[in-house]
């Protein structure tokens, strides 16, 4: 299997994760199963994201469009997963859209830094693996925990709380990445 095909499979898994999360609102009687399925799809997406680069390097089959296949499916996956989590039972659609927009923005800043010659900056606290870890843990918790143990803050349930944390973390991550990239560029212009 080609690295690009693995990237596409990862994107499909990310979209399926978002669909499974959103479906919890349409079929609440299957919510536990759908949250578990969404969590599994998120992990499949992350594994594909790991393997596509390993296969490209290990097999020597890096493609001229490999960078596009590495980045574009990731942005689609991030958006689909987070928006779907916003529509999930206990989620807030506006938080899903906001978290998705901010997640894409953090990746955009990283890409701009790379284009400016500073290399990829994957600093956090809310880099992609952390965002997806939080979504996965929340989904597994909602799928497995008794209903009586559902955390809530001022009426916000766990999916909404996690999306708020992701959004705030993405703002901090964006600020940190911008500072680090600007510092590198200032240092390069002074040197």
N, C-alpha and C. Protein backbone atom coordinates (compact mmCIF):
# COMPACT_ATOMS: atom_id res chain seq x y z
N UNK A 1 0.85 -1.19 0.00
CA UNK A 1 0.00 0.00 0.00
C UNK A 1 0.89 1.24 0.00
N UNK A 2 0.50 2.22 -0.79
CA UNK A 2 1.30 3.43 -0.91
C UNK A 2 1.10 4.34 0.31
N UNK A 3 2.09 5.18 0.61
CA UNK A 3 1.93 6.13 1.72
C UNK A 3 0.73 7.06 1.51
N UNK A 4 0.49 7.46 0.27
CA UNK A 4 -0.64 8.35 0.00
C UNK A 4 -1.97 7.66 0.26
N UNK A 5 -2.06 6.37 -0.07
CA UNK A 5 -3.28 5.62 0.20
C UNK A 5 -3.51 5.51 1.71
N UNK A 6 -2.43 5.33 2.47
CA UNK A 6 -2.55 5.26 3.93
C UNK A 6 -3.08 6.60 4.46
N UNK A 7 -2.61 7.70 3.90
CA UNK A 7 -3.09 9.02 4.31
C UNK A 7 -4.58 9.17 4.05
N UNK A 8 -5.03 8.69 2.90
CA UNK A 8 -6.45 8.78 2.56
C UNK A 8 -7.29 7.90 3.49
N UNK A 9 -6.78 6.72 3.81
CA UNK A 9 -7.50 5.85 4.76
C UNK A 9 -7.61 6.54 6.12
N UNK A 10 -6.54 7.22 6.53
CA UNK A 10 -6.58 7.97 7.79
C UNK A 10 -7.63 9.07 7.75
N UNK A 11 -7.74 9.74 6.62
CA UNK A 11 -8.75 10.79 6.49
C UNK A 11 -10.16 10.20 6.57
N UNK A 12 -10.37 9.08 5.92
CA UNK A 12 -11.67 8.42 5.98
C UNK A 12 -12.00 8.05 7.41
N UNK A 13 -11.01 7.55 8.15
CA UNK A 13 -11.23 7.20 9.56
C UNK A 13 -11.59 8.44 10.37
N UNK A 14 -10.94 9.57 10.10
CA UNK A 14 -11.26 10.82 10.81
C UNK A 14 -12.68 11.29 10.51
N UNK A 15 -13.09 11.18 9.26
CA UNK A 15 -14.45 11.57 8.89
C UNK A 15 -15.46 10.63 9.54
N UNK A 16 -15.15 9.33 9.55
CA UNK A 16 -16.04 8.36 10.20
C UNK A 16 -16.14 8.62 11.70
N UNK A 17 -15.04 9.04 12.31
CA UNK A 17 -15.07 9.38 13.74
C UNK A 17 -16.05 10.51 13.98
N UNK A 18 -15.94 11.57 13.18
CA UNK A 18 -16.86 12.69 13.32
C UNK A 18 -18.30 12.28 13.10
N UNK A 19 -18.54 11.43 12.09
CA UNK A 19 -19.90 10.96 11.82
C UNK A 19 -20.44 10.12 12.97
N UNK A 20 -19.59 9.27 13.53
CA UNK A 20 -20.02 8.44 14.67
C UNK A 20 -20.37 9.32 15.87
N UNK A 21 -19.53 10.32 16.13
CA UNK A 21 -19.82 11.21 17.26
C UNK A 21 -21.13 11.96 17.04
N UNK A 22 -21.31 12.53 15.85
CA UNK A 22 -22.54 13.28 15.56
C UNK A 22 -23.76 12.37 15.63
N UNK A 23 -23.61 11.13 15.22
CA UNK A 23 -24.74 10.19 15.21
C UNK A 23 -25.25 9.88 16.61
N UNK A 24 -24.45 10.17 17.64
CA UNK A 24 -24.94 9.93 19.01
C UNK A 24 -26.15 10.80 19.32
N UNK A 25 -26.27 11.95 18.67
CA UNK A 25 -27.44 12.81 18.87
C UNK A 25 -28.65 12.28 18.12
N UNK A 26 -28.42 11.62 16.99
CA UNK A 26 -29.53 11.10 16.19
C UNK A 26 -30.05 9.78 16.75
N UNK A 27 -29.15 8.97 17.26
CA UNK A 27 -29.52 7.66 17.81
C UNK A 27 -28.97 7.51 19.23
N UNK A 28 -29.59 8.23 20.17
CA UNK A 28 -29.07 8.20 21.54
C UNK A 28 -29.06 6.81 22.18
N UNK A 29 -29.93 5.93 21.73
CA UNK A 29 -29.94 4.59 22.31
C UNK A 29 -28.67 3.81 21.94
N UNK A 30 -27.98 4.25 20.88
CA UNK A 30 -26.72 3.61 20.48
C UNK A 30 -25.51 4.49 20.81
N UNK A 31 -25.71 5.49 21.65
CA UNK A 31 -24.65 6.47 21.91
C UNK A 31 -23.37 5.83 22.43
N UNK A 32 -23.48 4.91 23.35
CA UNK A 32 -22.27 4.29 23.90
C UNK A 32 -21.46 3.59 22.80
N UNK A 33 -22.14 2.85 21.98
CA UNK A 33 -21.47 2.15 20.88
C UNK A 33 -20.86 3.14 19.89
N UNK A 34 -21.59 4.20 19.58
CA UNK A 34 -21.10 5.19 18.62
C UNK A 34 -19.92 5.98 19.17
N UNK A 35 -19.95 6.32 20.47
CA UNK A 35 -18.79 6.99 21.06
C UNK A 35 -17.56 6.08 21.01
N UNK A 36 -17.76 4.79 21.30
CA UNK A 36 -16.64 3.83 21.24
C UNK A 36 -16.12 3.70 19.81
N UNK A 37 -17.03 3.62 18.85
CA UNK A 37 -16.63 3.53 17.45
C UNK A 37 -15.86 4.78 17.02
N UNK A 38 -16.34 5.94 17.43
CA UNK A 38 -15.64 7.19 17.12
C UNK A 38 -14.23 7.20 17.70
N UNK A 39 -14.08 6.73 18.94
CA UNK A 39 -12.76 6.69 19.58
C UNK A 39 -11.82 5.76 18.81
N UNK A 40 -12.33 4.63 18.38
CA UNK A 40 -11.51 3.69 17.59
C UNK A 40 -11.09 4.33 16.28
N UNK A 41 -12.01 5.01 15.61
CA UNK A 41 -11.70 5.66 14.33
C UNK A 41 -10.64 6.76 14.51
N UNK A 42 -10.70 7.49 15.62
CA UNK A 42 -9.68 8.51 15.88
C UNK A 42 -8.31 7.85 15.98
N UNK A 43 -8.24 6.71 16.67
CA UNK A 43 -6.95 6.04 16.82
C UNK A 43 -6.46 5.46 15.50
N UNK A 44 -7.37 4.95 14.67
CA UNK A 44 -6.99 4.46 13.34
C UNK A 44 -6.42 5.62 12.53
N UNK A 45 -7.06 6.77 12.62
CA UNK A 45 -6.57 7.96 11.90
C UNK A 45 -5.15 8.31 12.35
N UNK A 46 -4.90 8.29 13.65
CA UNK A 46 -3.57 8.62 14.15
C UNK A 46 -2.53 7.58 13.73
N UNK A 47 -2.91 6.32 13.73
CA UNK A 47 -1.99 5.28 13.29
C UNK A 47 -1.64 5.45 11.81
N UNK A 48 -2.64 5.74 11.00
CA UNK A 48 -2.38 5.99 9.58
C UNK A 48 -1.46 7.19 9.40
N UNK A 49 -1.66 8.21 10.22
CA UNK A 49 -0.82 9.40 10.15
C UNK A 49 0.62 9.06 10.50
N UNK A 50 0.81 8.13 11.38
CA UNK A 50 2.15 7.69 11.77
C UNK A 50 2.76 6.81 10.67
N UNK A 51 1.96 5.88 10.15
CA UNK A 51 2.48 4.91 9.19
C UNK A 51 2.75 5.48 7.81
N UNK A 52 2.00 6.50 7.38
CA UNK A 52 2.22 7.00 6.02
C UNK A 52 3.64 7.51 5.84
N UNK A 53 4.14 8.25 6.81
CA UNK A 53 5.51 8.74 6.73
C UNK A 53 6.54 7.64 6.86
N UNK A 54 6.26 6.68 7.76
CA UNK A 54 7.20 5.56 7.94
C UNK A 54 7.30 4.73 6.67
N UNK A 55 6.16 4.48 6.01
CA UNK A 55 6.18 3.70 4.77
C UNK A 55 6.89 4.48 3.67
N UNK A 56 6.64 5.79 3.59
CA UNK A 56 7.28 6.60 2.56
C UNK A 56 8.81 6.56 2.70
N UNK A 57 9.28 6.72 3.92
CA UNK A 57 10.73 6.74 4.15
C UNK A 57 11.32 5.34 4.05
N UNK A 58 10.66 4.38 4.72
CA UNK A 58 11.18 3.02 4.76
C UNK A 58 11.20 2.32 3.42
N UNK A 59 10.22 2.59 2.58
CA UNK A 59 10.15 1.92 1.28
C UNK A 59 10.80 2.73 0.17
N UNK A 60 11.16 3.96 0.48
CA UNK A 60 11.73 4.83 -0.55
C UNK A 60 10.70 5.25 -1.58
N UNK A 61 9.41 5.20 -1.20
CA UNK A 61 8.34 5.54 -2.15
C UNK A 61 7.75 6.91 -1.84
N UNK A 62 8.57 7.83 -1.41
CA UNK A 62 8.07 9.19 -1.19
C UNK A 62 7.65 9.76 -2.53
N UNK A 63 6.51 10.42 -2.53
CA UNK A 63 5.93 10.92 -3.77
C UNK A 63 6.12 12.44 -3.84
N UNK A 64 6.16 13.00 -5.05
CA UNK A 64 6.26 14.45 -5.17
C UNK A 64 5.07 15.17 -4.53
N UNK A 65 3.93 14.50 -4.43
CA UNK A 65 2.75 15.11 -3.81
C UNK A 65 2.52 14.56 -2.40
N UNK A 66 3.51 13.86 -1.89
CA UNK A 66 3.39 13.25 -0.57
C UNK A 66 3.08 14.25 0.54
N UNK A 67 3.68 15.43 0.45
CA UNK A 67 3.43 16.46 1.48
C UNK A 67 1.97 16.88 1.48
N UNK A 68 1.37 16.99 0.29
CA UNK A 68 -0.05 17.32 0.21
C UNK A 68 -0.89 16.21 0.82
N UNK A 69 -0.56 14.95 0.51
CA UNK A 69 -1.29 13.82 1.08
C UNK A 69 -1.07 13.72 2.58
N UNK A 70 0.03 14.21 3.06
CA UNK A 70 0.29 14.18 4.49
C UNK A 70 -0.51 15.27 5.22
N UNK A 71 -0.64 16.44 4.62
CA UNK A 71 -1.25 17.58 5.31
C UNK A 71 -2.75 17.73 5.09
N UNK A 72 -3.21 17.66 3.85
CA UNK A 72 -4.62 17.94 3.56
C UNK A 72 -5.55 16.94 4.26
N UNK A 73 -5.30 15.63 4.18
CA UNK A 73 -6.18 14.72 4.91
C UNK A 73 -6.20 14.97 6.42
N UNK A 74 -5.07 15.41 6.97
CA UNK A 74 -5.04 15.74 8.40
C UNK A 74 -5.99 16.88 8.73
N UNK A 75 -6.02 17.92 7.89
CA UNK A 75 -6.91 19.04 8.16
C UNK A 75 -8.37 18.63 8.04
N UNK A 76 -8.68 17.80 7.03
CA UNK A 76 -10.05 17.30 6.89
C UNK A 76 -10.42 16.46 8.10
N UNK A 77 -9.51 15.59 8.54
CA UNK A 77 -9.76 14.73 9.70
C UNK A 77 -9.98 15.54 10.97
N UNK A 78 -9.10 16.53 11.20
CA UNK A 78 -9.27 17.38 12.39
C UNK A 78 -10.64 18.03 12.39
N UNK A 79 -10.99 18.65 11.27
CA UNK A 79 -12.27 19.37 11.20
C UNK A 79 -13.44 18.42 11.38
N UNK A 80 -13.44 17.29 10.68
CA UNK A 80 -14.56 16.36 10.76
C UNK A 80 -14.71 15.80 12.17
N UNK A 81 -13.61 15.43 12.79
CA UNK A 81 -13.67 14.85 14.13
C UNK A 81 -14.18 15.87 15.15
N UNK A 82 -13.62 17.07 15.14
CA UNK A 82 -14.00 18.06 16.14
C UNK A 82 -15.41 18.61 15.91
N UNK A 83 -15.79 18.82 14.66
CA UNK A 83 -17.15 19.27 14.39
C UNK A 83 -18.15 18.18 14.78
N UNK A 84 -17.83 16.94 14.44
CA UNK A 84 -18.69 15.83 14.84
C UNK A 84 -18.83 15.72 16.34
N UNK A 85 -17.73 15.97 17.06
CA UNK A 85 -17.78 15.93 18.53
C UNK A 85 -18.65 17.07 19.06
N UNK A 86 -18.68 18.17 18.35
CA UNK A 86 -19.55 19.28 18.73
C UNK A 86 -21.02 18.94 18.61
N UNK A 87 -21.35 18.11 17.62
CA UNK A 87 -22.74 17.69 17.43
C UNK A 87 -23.11 16.47 18.26
N UNK A 88 -22.15 15.88 18.95
CA UNK A 88 -22.40 14.69 19.76
C UNK A 88 -23.30 15.02 20.95
N UNK A 89 -23.88 13.99 21.52
CA UNK A 89 -24.62 14.17 22.77
C UNK A 89 -23.69 14.83 23.78
N UNK A 90 -24.12 15.90 24.38
CA UNK A 90 -23.30 16.60 25.36
C UNK A 90 -22.33 17.59 24.75
N UNK A 91 -22.32 17.69 23.44
CA UNK A 91 -21.44 18.64 22.78
C UNK A 91 -22.14 19.96 22.51
N UNK A 92 -21.43 20.87 21.94
CA UNK A 92 -21.96 22.17 21.52
C UNK A 92 -21.43 22.41 20.11
N UNK A 93 -22.32 22.46 19.10
CA UNK A 93 -21.84 22.63 17.72
C UNK A 93 -20.90 23.82 17.54
N UNK A 94 -21.18 24.95 18.16
CA UNK A 94 -20.33 26.12 17.98
C UNK A 94 -18.93 25.87 18.53
N UNK A 95 -18.84 25.07 19.61
CA UNK A 95 -17.51 24.73 20.13
C UNK A 95 -16.78 23.77 19.20
N UNK A 96 -17.53 22.87 18.56
CA UNK A 96 -16.91 21.97 17.59
C UNK A 96 -16.33 22.73 16.41
N UNK A 97 -17.12 23.68 15.88
CA UNK A 97 -16.62 24.49 14.77
C UNK A 97 -15.45 25.36 15.21
N UNK A 98 -15.55 25.95 16.39
CA UNK A 98 -14.47 26.80 16.89
C UNK A 98 -13.18 26.03 17.11
N UNK A 99 -13.30 24.85 17.73
CA UNK A 99 -12.12 24.01 17.97
C UNK A 99 -11.51 23.57 16.64
N UNK A 100 -12.36 23.23 15.67
CA UNK A 100 -11.85 22.81 14.35
C UNK A 100 -11.10 23.94 13.68
N UNK A 101 -11.67 25.13 13.71
CA UNK A 101 -11.03 26.29 13.08
C UNK A 101 -9.68 26.57 13.75
N UNK A 102 -9.65 26.52 15.06
CA UNK A 102 -8.40 26.80 15.77
C UNK A 102 -7.36 25.69 15.56
N UNK A 103 -7.82 24.45 15.44
CA UNK A 103 -6.88 23.35 15.17
C UNK A 103 -6.24 23.52 13.79
N UNK A 104 -7.05 23.90 12.80
CA UNK A 104 -6.51 24.13 11.46
C UNK A 104 -5.56 25.34 11.49
N UNK A 105 -5.89 26.34 12.29
CA UNK A 105 -5.03 27.52 12.40
C UNK A 105 -3.66 27.16 12.98
N UNK A 106 -3.62 26.28 13.98
CA UNK A 106 -2.32 25.87 14.54
C UNK A 106 -1.48 25.18 13.48
N UNK A 107 -2.12 24.35 12.66
CA UNK A 107 -1.39 23.67 11.58
C UNK A 107 -0.94 24.67 10.53
N UNK A 108 -1.77 25.66 10.26
CA UNK A 108 -1.41 26.70 9.29
C UNK A 108 -0.16 27.45 9.76
N UNK A 109 -0.12 27.79 11.02
CA UNK A 109 1.05 28.50 11.56
C UNK A 109 2.30 27.63 11.41
N UNK A 110 2.18 26.34 11.72
CA UNK A 110 3.32 25.44 11.56
C UNK A 110 3.77 25.41 10.10
N UNK A 111 2.82 25.31 9.17
CA UNK A 111 3.15 25.27 7.75
C UNK A 111 3.80 26.59 7.29
N UNK A 112 3.31 27.71 7.80
CA UNK A 112 3.90 29.00 7.45
C UNK A 112 5.33 29.10 7.98
N UNK A 113 5.56 28.59 9.17
CA UNK A 113 6.92 28.58 9.72
C UNK A 113 7.85 27.75 8.86
N UNK A 114 7.35 26.60 8.43
CA UNK A 114 8.17 25.74 7.56
C UNK A 114 8.45 26.44 6.24
N UNK A 115 7.42 27.07 5.67
CA UNK A 115 7.60 27.78 4.39
C UNK A 115 8.58 28.94 4.54
N UNK A 116 8.64 29.54 5.74
CA UNK A 116 9.55 30.66 5.97
C UNK A 116 10.96 30.19 6.30
N UNK A 117 11.14 28.87 6.37
CA UNK A 117 12.47 28.33 6.59
C UNK A 117 12.81 27.97 8.01
N UNK A 118 11.83 27.99 8.92
CA UNK A 118 12.13 27.67 10.31
C UNK A 118 11.92 26.20 10.63
N UNK A 119 11.42 25.44 9.68
CA UNK A 119 11.13 24.03 9.93
C UNK A 119 9.78 23.87 10.61
N UNK A 120 9.39 22.63 10.79
CA UNK A 120 8.12 22.34 11.46
C UNK A 120 8.26 22.57 12.96
N UNK A 121 7.31 23.27 13.53
CA UNK A 121 7.27 23.47 14.98
C UNK A 121 6.02 22.77 15.49
N UNK A 122 6.21 21.68 16.20
CA UNK A 122 5.09 20.89 16.70
C UNK A 122 4.81 21.16 18.18
N UNK A 123 5.27 22.31 18.70
CA UNK A 123 5.08 22.58 20.12
C UNK A 123 3.59 22.65 20.45
N UNK A 124 3.29 22.44 21.70
CA UNK A 124 1.90 22.43 22.18
C UNK A 124 1.64 23.63 23.04
N UNK A 125 0.67 23.49 23.87
CA UNK A 125 0.18 22.26 24.51
C UNK A 125 -0.87 21.50 23.71
N UNK A 126 -1.42 22.06 22.62
CA UNK A 126 -2.55 21.40 21.97
C UNK A 126 -2.21 21.02 20.53
N UNK A 127 -1.10 20.29 20.38
CA UNK A 127 -0.76 19.74 19.07
C UNK A 127 -1.75 18.60 18.76
N UNK A 128 -1.77 18.15 17.52
CA UNK A 128 -2.75 17.16 17.07
C UNK A 128 -2.84 15.93 17.98
N UNK A 129 -1.73 15.30 18.39
CA UNK A 129 -1.86 14.11 19.23
C UNK A 129 -2.59 14.39 20.55
N UNK A 130 -2.37 15.56 21.11
CA UNK A 130 -3.03 15.90 22.38
C UNK A 130 -4.52 16.14 22.15
N UNK A 131 -4.86 16.86 21.07
CA UNK A 131 -6.28 17.09 20.76
C UNK A 131 -7.01 15.77 20.61
N UNK A 132 -6.41 14.87 19.85
CA UNK A 132 -7.07 13.59 19.58
C UNK A 132 -7.07 12.69 20.81
N UNK A 133 -6.05 12.82 21.66
CA UNK A 133 -6.04 12.07 22.92
C UNK A 133 -7.21 12.50 23.80
N UNK A 134 -7.41 13.81 23.92
CA UNK A 134 -8.51 14.31 24.75
C UNK A 134 -9.87 13.86 24.22
N UNK A 135 -10.05 13.94 22.91
CA UNK A 135 -11.31 13.50 22.31
C UNK A 135 -11.50 12.00 22.54
N UNK A 136 -10.44 11.23 22.35
CA UNK A 136 -10.54 9.77 22.54
C UNK A 136 -10.88 9.43 23.98
N UNK A 137 -10.19 10.02 24.93
CA UNK A 137 -10.44 9.73 26.35
C UNK A 137 -11.86 10.11 26.72
N UNK A 138 -12.32 11.27 26.28
CA UNK A 138 -13.69 11.70 26.58
C UNK A 138 -14.70 10.74 25.96
N UNK A 139 -14.47 10.33 24.72
CA UNK A 139 -15.40 9.42 24.05
C UNK A 139 -15.44 8.06 24.76
N UNK A 140 -14.28 7.55 25.14
CA UNK A 140 -14.23 6.27 25.85
C UNK A 140 -14.93 6.39 27.21
N UNK A 141 -14.70 7.51 27.89
CA UNK A 141 -15.35 7.72 29.18
C UNK A 141 -16.87 7.73 29.03
N UNK A 142 -17.37 8.50 28.07
CA UNK A 142 -18.82 8.59 27.86
C UNK A 142 -19.37 7.23 27.46
N UNK A 143 -18.60 6.47 26.69
CA UNK A 143 -19.06 5.15 26.25
C UNK A 143 -19.12 4.14 27.39
N UNK A 144 -18.24 4.29 28.38
CA UNK A 144 -18.10 3.26 29.41
C UNK A 144 -18.64 3.64 30.79
N UNK A 145 -18.61 4.90 31.14
CA UNK A 145 -18.96 5.30 32.51
C UNK A 145 -20.47 5.27 32.73
N UNK A 146 -20.88 4.97 33.95
CA UNK A 146 -22.30 5.04 34.26
C UNK A 146 -22.81 6.48 34.06
N UNK A 147 -24.04 6.60 33.64
CA UNK A 147 -24.63 7.91 33.38
C UNK A 147 -24.56 8.82 34.61
N UNK A 148 -24.65 8.23 35.79
CA UNK A 148 -24.60 9.02 37.02
C UNK A 148 -23.25 9.72 37.22
N UNK A 149 -22.21 9.25 36.53
CA UNK A 149 -20.87 9.81 36.70
C UNK A 149 -20.47 10.74 35.56
N UNK A 150 -21.45 11.26 34.84
CA UNK A 150 -21.16 12.16 33.73
C UNK A 150 -20.75 13.52 34.27
N UNK A 151 -19.50 13.94 34.02
CA UNK A 151 -19.06 15.24 34.50
C UNK A 151 -19.80 16.37 33.79
N UNK A 152 -20.04 17.44 34.53
CA UNK A 152 -20.75 18.59 33.99
C UNK A 152 -20.27 19.83 34.72
N UNK A 153 -20.06 20.90 33.97
CA UNK A 153 -19.68 22.19 34.54
C UNK A 153 -20.65 23.23 34.00
N UNK A 154 -21.41 23.82 34.88
CA UNK A 154 -22.41 24.84 34.49
C UNK A 154 -23.29 24.37 33.33
N UNK A 155 -23.69 23.11 33.35
CA UNK A 155 -24.56 22.56 32.32
C UNK A 155 -23.82 22.02 31.10
N UNK A 156 -22.52 22.27 31.00
CA UNK A 156 -21.74 21.72 29.89
C UNK A 156 -21.35 20.29 30.25
N UNK A 157 -21.61 19.39 29.32
CA UNK A 157 -21.22 18.00 29.53
C UNK A 157 -19.82 17.76 28.97
N UNK A 158 -19.31 16.55 29.20
CA UNK A 158 -17.91 16.26 28.89
C UNK A 158 -17.49 16.60 27.45
N UNK A 159 -18.23 16.22 26.40
CA UNK A 159 -17.77 16.61 25.06
C UNK A 159 -17.61 18.12 24.89
N UNK A 160 -18.54 18.91 25.42
CA UNK A 160 -18.42 20.37 25.32
C UNK A 160 -17.22 20.87 26.12
N UNK A 161 -17.01 20.31 27.29
CA UNK A 161 -15.86 20.71 28.12
C UNK A 161 -14.56 20.44 27.39
N UNK A 162 -14.45 19.25 26.79
CA UNK A 162 -13.23 18.89 26.07
C UNK A 162 -13.01 19.82 24.89
N UNK A 163 -14.07 20.14 24.15
CA UNK A 163 -13.93 21.06 23.02
C UNK A 163 -13.47 22.44 23.47
N UNK A 164 -13.97 22.90 24.62
CA UNK A 164 -13.53 24.20 25.15
C UNK A 164 -12.05 24.15 25.51
N UNK A 165 -11.61 23.04 26.12
CA UNK A 165 -10.20 22.88 26.47
C UNK A 165 -9.35 22.85 25.21
N UNK A 166 -9.82 22.12 24.18
CA UNK A 166 -9.08 22.06 22.91
C UNK A 166 -8.98 23.46 22.30
N UNK A 167 -10.07 24.20 22.29
CA UNK A 167 -10.06 25.54 21.69
C UNK A 167 -9.09 26.46 22.43
N UNK A 168 -9.16 26.48 23.74
CA UNK A 168 -8.26 27.33 24.52
C UNK A 168 -6.81 26.88 24.33
N UNK A 169 -6.60 25.56 24.34
CA UNK A 169 -5.25 25.04 24.12
C UNK A 169 -4.70 25.39 22.75
N UNK A 170 -5.57 25.41 21.73
CA UNK A 170 -5.13 25.78 20.38
C UNK A 170 -4.74 27.26 20.31
N UNK A 171 -5.44 28.10 21.05
CA UNK A 171 -5.06 29.52 21.09
C UNK A 171 -3.67 29.66 21.70
N UNK A 172 -3.43 28.97 22.80
CA UNK A 172 -2.12 29.02 23.46
C UNK A 172 -1.04 28.44 22.53
N UNK A 173 -1.35 27.33 21.88
CA UNK A 173 -0.40 26.70 20.97
C UNK A 173 -0.07 27.62 19.80
N UNK A 174 -1.09 28.26 19.24
CA UNK A 174 -0.86 29.19 18.13
C UNK A 174 0.05 30.33 18.56
N UNK A 175 -0.22 30.89 19.71
CA UNK A 175 0.60 32.00 20.23
C UNK A 175 2.04 31.54 20.43
N UNK A 176 2.22 30.35 21.03
CA UNK A 176 3.59 29.85 21.26
C UNK A 176 4.32 29.62 19.95
N UNK A 177 3.63 29.01 18.98
CA UNK A 177 4.27 28.75 17.70
C UNK A 177 4.64 30.05 16.99
N UNK A 178 3.75 31.01 17.02
CA UNK A 178 4.05 32.31 16.39
C UNK A 178 5.27 32.96 17.03
N UNK A 179 5.32 32.94 18.35
CA UNK A 179 6.48 33.52 19.06
C UNK A 179 7.77 32.83 18.68
N UNK A 180 7.73 31.50 18.65
CA UNK A 180 8.95 30.74 18.36
C UNK A 180 9.40 30.97 16.92
N UNK A 181 8.46 30.96 15.99
CA UNK A 181 8.79 31.20 14.58
C UNK A 181 9.33 32.62 14.39
N UNK A 182 8.65 33.60 15.00
CA UNK A 182 9.12 34.99 14.89
C UNK A 182 10.51 35.13 15.50
N UNK A 183 10.74 34.50 16.63
CA UNK A 183 12.06 34.55 17.26
C UNK A 183 13.13 33.97 16.36
N UNK A 184 12.81 32.85 15.73
CA UNK A 184 13.78 32.23 14.81
C UNK A 184 14.06 33.14 13.62
N UNK A 185 12.99 33.73 13.07
CA UNK A 185 13.17 34.61 11.90
C UNK A 185 13.95 35.87 12.28
N UNK A 186 13.67 36.42 13.47
CA UNK A 186 14.43 37.60 13.92
C UNK A 186 15.89 37.24 14.10
N UNK A 187 16.15 36.07 14.69
CA UNK A 187 17.53 35.62 14.88
C UNK A 187 18.24 35.40 13.57
N UNK A 188 17.52 34.85 12.59
CA UNK A 188 18.13 34.61 11.27
C UNK A 188 18.43 35.92 10.55
N UNK A 189 17.58 36.94 10.74
CA UNK A 189 17.81 38.20 10.06
C UNK A 189 18.93 39.01 10.72
N UNK A 190 19.15 38.75 12.02
CA UNK A 190 20.23 39.45 12.72
C UNK A 190 21.57 38.76 12.54
N UNK A 191 21.53 37.50 12.12
CA UNK A 191 22.78 36.72 12.03
C UNK A 191 23.35 36.76 10.72
